[in-house]
Amino acid sequence: MLIAFPFYVIIWLFVRKNWKGNITNTHYYWAIGMGLLGYYMSSLFDFIGLQYVSAGIERIILFVYPTLAVIINWLLFKVPITKRQWQAIVITYFGIGIAYWGEIHLMPNTPLFIYGSLMVLLCGITYAFYLVGTGKLIPTMGTSIYTSVAMMAASLGIFIHYILAKTVNGDLQNLYYTIPSNIVWYVIALAIFATLVPSFLLSAGMKRVGSNNLAVITSIGPVATLFQANWILGETFTWQQMIGTVLVIAGVWHIKKLG
């Protein structure tokens, strides 16, 4: 985030000079809140959860965010849930249940596994709120300004969290962390190609297709991670995970047939 942060600042300063829309302080406050919720808090919950669950089960749990976005729109904005949407939600959670049941028997410490699962679920919930909020703000603020403000807020949240964690642990003398030379380029690549560029692509895509459709399209991420966890990390991919994944994908794509 230290590497990506200056780019967001520069883009925001450049774009806002030429923006002709009416952006109020309230819009900025909401964008800051969405950034803290969708990138800082969501990432924090995800990383905590990954200490106790495999990358495979984490991805399966995160599959809930397309259906969560539908539920949030229903609760907050009174957007009705159709029969087809309810069917998709039931299929999705049934698939997650099957995959989860298969995974829980592989874990030696069940209470910590459940705790990690809850953290990942909170990640999915906060990210769903981010998707819904972003869909409401981008039409007014524009892709570049909204994304820059949200990501600057998320970055500052991470920086403050880091400093506070060091303070609580009495480790302020080691505030500055030297990145090992053998992973410097990985960190730079993560900052540019896995953080900066995707954040703008995500917002630009949402502006064109809407938050619900975007949630469906981005489900390719969890699918890809499931197989990469098996291929790269050597994690076990059980038949329950396979069946659960198929059901979850079926439920998510069932929602797509709405429009």
Foldseek 3Di string as FASTA:
>chain_A
DVLQLVVLVVLQVVVVVVDPFDDDVVLLVLLLVLLCLQQQLLVVLLVLLCVQAPLLLLLLLLLCLLLLLVVCCCVPVVDDQDPLSVVLNVLSVVLNVLQVVVRQVVGPDNVSNVVSSVSSNSSSNSNSVSLNSLLVSCVRQNLSNSLSSSNNSSVVVVLVVLCVVCVVVVNNVPSDDDDPPVCVVVVVCCSPVVPNVVSSVLSVVCNPPNSSVSSLVCSVVSVVSNVCCCVPVVDDCDPSSVSSVVSSNVSSVSVVVPD
